[in-house]
Amino acid sequence: MPFELLTLERDERVATLTLNRPAKRNALNAMLREEVRSALATVEADDSISVAIITGAGASFCAGFDTSEFETTPPAAVFAAEATVRYHEQLQTFAKPLIAAINGPAMGGGFDIAVLCDVRIAAETAAFAHPEIKFGAPTLFGPLAAIIGAGMARDLCLSGRAIDAREALRIGLVSKVVPGEMLMEEARAVARQIAEAPLPALKAVKASIIQGLDWKFTA
């Protein structure tokens, strides 16, 4: 199906979703969130695809939720809305391996997208933060703590401070940092390596990962 704010491409058994609002730093407005959910559902239902990559167009991975929505609706209400919950649940329960190719800053909800992926590969220009805590939006603690440990996750979720790609690598948030021009090549190489395994085995492991995480999105 056609999308307005993202692109969905396929190369053999690997699908690539690209957030495509570069002028808005790929901020997640309601339409883009719904298109992400729909694209992931499409990929999940296609048994000829084993792995998905998600990345951003332009210089940013994702600036987070589009703050223009908060001008008319409090952040907590935006996060509690049924459509927002469905979006987060689609990311959380996606049944196939999901790779984040983090091409630039991943802020707020963009940080959450990266964390909800199974593998994270960062460009040297990547950065991560939860600035939304400063204006009353909740931060997603559980899945971040599962990756980097509770102590560091508490620090980042409560302070809103930013970390660069090198610190992200040091604390285990990302598995590799590469020059920007090599990012997609590296992400595709990892995706192809994962896709060598039979899809039923990959889905079984992914189901175990999901079941083993003691968290659920709440506003």
Protein backbone atom coordinates (compact mmCIF):
# COMPACT_ATOMS: atom_id res chain seq x y z
CA MET A 1 0.00 0.00 0.00
CA PRO A 2 1.26 3.56 -0.65
CA PHE A 3 2.48 5.71 2.22
CA GLU A 4 2.84 9.49 2.39
CA LEU A 5 5.32 9.93 5.23
CA LEU A 6 7.46 6.82 4.99
CA THR A 7 8.90 4.56 2.34
CA LEU A 8 8.81 0.76 2.42
CA GLU A 9 11.34 -1.06 0.26
CA ARG A 10 12.33 -4.68 -0.07
CA ASP A 11 15.58 -6.42 -0.99
CA GLU A 12 15.13 -10.18 -1.00
CA ARG A 13 14.16 -11.18 2.57
CA VAL A 14 14.85 -7.75 4.09
CA ALA A 15 12.39 -4.85 4.27
CA THR A 16 13.48 -1.26 4.97
CA LEU A 17 11.14 1.33 6.48
CA THR A 18 12.36 4.92 6.16
CA LEU A 19 10.69 7.68 8.15
CA ASN A 20 10.33 10.39 5.53
CA ARG A 21 9.65 13.80 7.07
CA PRO A 22 13.20 15.17 6.87
CA ALA A 23 12.08 18.82 7.05
CA LYS A 24 10.48 17.98 10.43
CA ARG A 25 13.40 15.76 11.51
CA ASN A 26 11.04 12.79 10.99
CA ALA A 27 8.86 13.85 13.91
CA LEU A 28 6.11 11.35 14.66
CA ASN A 29 2.82 13.06 13.95
CA ALA A 30 -0.38 11.00 14.11
CA MET A 31 -0.23 10.11 10.40
CA LEU A 32 3.37 8.90 10.55
CA ARG A 33 2.70 6.84 13.67
CA GLU A 34 -0.21 5.15 11.91
CA GLU A 35 1.88 4.54 8.79
CA VAL A 36 4.66 2.98 10.88
CA ARG A 37 2.11 0.70 12.52
CA SER A 38 0.58 -0.23 9.18
CA ALA A 39 3.94 -0.84 7.48
CA LEU A 40 5.13 -3.08 10.29
CA ALA A 41 1.87 -5.03 10.16
CA THR A 42 2.32 -5.48 6.40
CA VAL A 43 5.89 -6.76 6.83
CA GLU A 44 4.87 -9.01 9.70
CA ALA A 45 2.17 -10.68 7.58
CA ASP A 46 4.51 -11.35 4.64
CA ASP A 47 6.29 -14.66 5.20
CA SER A 48 8.71 -13.93 2.36
CA ILE A 49 10.28 -11.21 4.55
CA SER A 50 12.40 -12.28 7.52
CA VAL A 51 13.92 -9.05 8.85
CA ALA A 52 13.03 -5.35 8.88
CA ILE A 53 15.25 -2.27 9.14
CA ILE A 54 13.96 1.10 10.27
CA THR A 55 15.85 4.32 9.58
CA GLY A 56 15.24 8.02 8.93
CA ALA A 57 15.52 10.27 5.89
CA GLY A 58 17.90 13.22 6.05
CA ALA A 59 20.12 14.10 8.99
CA SER A 60 17.88 12.84 11.81
CA PHE A 61 16.67 9.40 12.77
CA CYS A 62 13.59 10.75 14.54
CA ALA A 63 12.95 13.83 16.68
CA GLY A 64 10.19 12.07 18.63
CA PHE A 65 6.53 12.92 18.76
CA ASP A 66 5.50 16.02 16.84
CA THR A 67 5.22 18.63 19.58
CA SER A 68 2.63 20.60 17.60
CA GLU A 69 0.12 17.99 18.83
CA PHE A 70 0.79 19.11 22.39
CA GLU A 71 -0.48 22.62 21.60
CA THR A 72 -4.06 21.33 21.72
CA THR A 73 -3.72 18.09 23.70
CA PRO A 74 -1.66 17.45 26.86
CA PRO A 75 1.24 15.05 26.25
CA ALA A 76 -0.18 12.43 28.64
CA ALA A 77 -3.45 12.41 26.69
CA VAL A 78 -1.61 11.98 23.37
CA PHE A 79 0.31 9.00 24.76
CA ALA A 80 -2.83 7.47 26.28
CA ALA A 81 -4.86 7.70 23.07
CA GLU A 82 -5.92 4.35 21.61
CA ALA A 83 -4.11 4.97 18.32
CA THR A 84 -0.86 5.78 20.15
CA VAL A 85 -1.13 2.65 22.28
CA ARG A 86 -1.69 0.55 19.13
CA TYR A 87 1.40 2.12 17.56
CA HIS A 88 3.59 1.29 20.56
CA GLU A 89 2.17 -2.21 20.83
CA GLN A 90 2.94 -2.90 17.15
CA LEU A 91 6.56 -1.93 17.75
CA GLN A 92 6.77 -3.91 21.00
CA THR A 93 5.23 -7.11 19.67
CA PHE A 94 6.58 -7.10 16.09
CA ALA A 95 7.09 -10.81 15.44
CA LYS A 96 10.28 -10.60 13.34
CA PRO A 97 13.77 -9.22 14.00
CA LEU A 98 13.84 -5.42 13.76
CA ILE A 99 17.04 -3.44 13.22
CA ALA A 100 17.41 0.28 13.91
CA ALA A 101 19.83 2.03 11.54
CA ILE A 102 20.23 5.23 13.53
CA ASN A 103 21.43 7.84 11.05
CA GLY A 104 21.30 10.85 13.39
CA PRO A 105 19.65 12.13 16.57
CA ALA A 106 17.03 9.83 18.10
CA MET A 107 15.09 11.95 20.56
CA GLY A 108 12.06 11.13 22.72
CA GLY A 109 9.82 8.82 20.74
CA GLY A 110 12.67 8.33 18.28
CA PHE A 111 14.80 7.01 21.14
CA ASP A 112 11.89 4.68 21.96
CA ILE A 113 11.79 3.33 18.39
CA ALA A 114 15.49 2.50 18.60
CA VAL A 115 15.07 0.83 21.99
CA LEU A 116 12.12 -1.25 20.79
CA CYS A 117 14.24 -2.69 17.98
CA ASP A 118 16.27 -5.85 18.49
CA VAL A 119 19.57 -4.58 17.08
CA ARG A 120 20.80 -0.99 16.99
CA ILE A 121 23.55 0.25 14.67
CA ALA A 122 24.46 3.93 14.88
CA ALA A 123 26.10 6.45 12.63
CA GLU A 124 28.78 8.60 14.24
CA THR A 125 26.30 11.51 14.24
CA ALA A 126 23.70 9.63 16.29
CA ALA A 127 22.60 10.96 19.67
CA PHE A 128 19.99 9.85 22.17
CA ALA A 129 17.90 11.67 24.78
CA HIS A 130 14.51 11.87 26.43
CA PRO A 131 13.94 15.68 26.43
CA GLU A 132 10.18 15.14 26.61
CA ILE A 133 10.44 14.60 30.38
CA LYS A 134 11.01 18.36 30.68
CA PHE A 135 7.54 19.20 29.35
CA GLY A 136 5.58 16.47 31.09
CA ALA A 137 5.63 13.54 28.65
CA PRO A 138 6.36 10.10 30.14
CA THR A 139 9.51 8.21 29.20
CA LEU A 140 9.62 4.50 28.35
CA PHE A 141 11.81 3.04 31.11
CA GLY A 142 11.28 -0.74 30.95
CA PRO A 143 12.71 -1.69 27.55
CA LEU A 144 15.63 0.72 27.96
CA ALA A 145 16.47 -0.81 31.35
CA ALA A 146 16.40 -4.27 29.77
CA ILE A 147 19.18 -3.18 27.41
CA ILE A 148 21.48 -0.93 29.45
CA GLY A 149 20.56 -1.74 33.05
CA ALA A 150 18.24 -0.02 35.47
CA GLY A 151 20.72 2.46 36.89
CA MET A 152 21.71 4.08 33.61
CA ALA A 153 18.13 3.88 32.32
CA ARG A 154 16.90 5.78 35.38
CA ASP A 155 19.54 8.43 34.74
CA LEU A 156 18.53 8.95 31.10
CA CYS A 157 14.76 8.71 31.65
CA LEU A 158 14.70 11.12 34.59
CA SER A 159 17.35 13.65 33.54
CA GLY A 160 16.61 13.94 29.83
CA ARG A 161 20.34 14.34 29.20
CA ALA A 162 21.77 13.48 25.81
CA ILE A 163 24.42 10.91 25.02
CA ASP A 164 26.41 10.64 21.80
CA ALA A 165 27.06 7.55 19.70
CA ARG A 166 30.30 6.67 21.46
CA GLU A 167 28.69 6.72 24.90
CA ALA A 168 25.78 4.70 23.50
CA LEU A 169 28.29 2.07 22.37
CA ARG A 170 30.09 2.11 25.71
CA ILE A 171 26.91 1.45 27.71
CA GLY A 172 25.66 -1.23 25.32
CA LEU A 173 22.78 0.72 23.83
CA VAL A 174 24.10 0.16 20.30
CA SER A 175 26.15 -2.75 19.00
CA LYS A 176 28.23 -0.81 16.49
CA VAL A 177 29.07 2.77 15.45
CA VAL A 178 30.04 3.39 11.83
CA PRO A 179 30.57 6.40 9.54
CA GLY A 180 27.27 7.69 8.20
CA GLU A 181 28.00 6.66 4.63
CA MET A 182 28.46 3.05 5.77
CA LEU A 183 25.38 2.82 7.98
CA MET A 184 22.87 1.24 5.62
CA GLU A 185 25.48 -1.10 4.17
CA GLU A 186 26.25 -2.34 7.68
CA ALA A 187 22.58 -2.60 8.66
CA ARG A 188 21.78 -4.60 5.53
CA ALA A 189 24.72 -6.90 6.14
CA VAL A 190 23.46 -7.64 9.66
CA ALA A 191 19.93 -8.12 8.34
CA ARG A 192 21.10 -10.57 5.67
CA GLN A 193 23.07 -12.51 8.26
CA ILE A 194 19.99 -12.79 10.48
CA ALA A 195 17.82 -13.75 7.49
CA GLU A 196 20.00 -16.80 6.85
CA ALA A 197 18.08 -18.53 9.65
CA PRO A 198 14.64 -20.04 8.90
CA LEU A 199 11.79 -17.65 9.61
CA PRO A 200 10.04 -20.01 12.10
CA ALA A 201 13.21 -20.11 14.20
CA LEU A 202 13.56 -16.32 14.10
CA LYS A 203 9.93 -15.86 15.12
CA ALA A 204 10.30 -18.36 17.95
CA VAL A 205 13.30 -16.49 19.33
CA LYS A 206 11.53 -13.16 18.93
CA ALA A 207 8.49 -14.55 20.79
CA SER A 208 10.80 -15.58 23.64
CA ILE A 209 12.33 -12.11 23.71
CA ILE A 210 8.91 -10.47 23.93
CA GLN A 211 7.67 -12.89 26.58
CA GLY A 212 10.80 -12.39 28.66
CA LEU A 213 10.39 -8.63 28.93
CA ASP A 214 8.52 -7.62 32.05
CA TRP A 215 7.11 -4.33 30.80
CA LYS A 216 4.18 -2.87 28.93
CA PHE A 217 3.65 0.58 27.47
CA THR A 218 1.66 2.89 29.71
CA ALA A 219 1.18 6.64 29.54
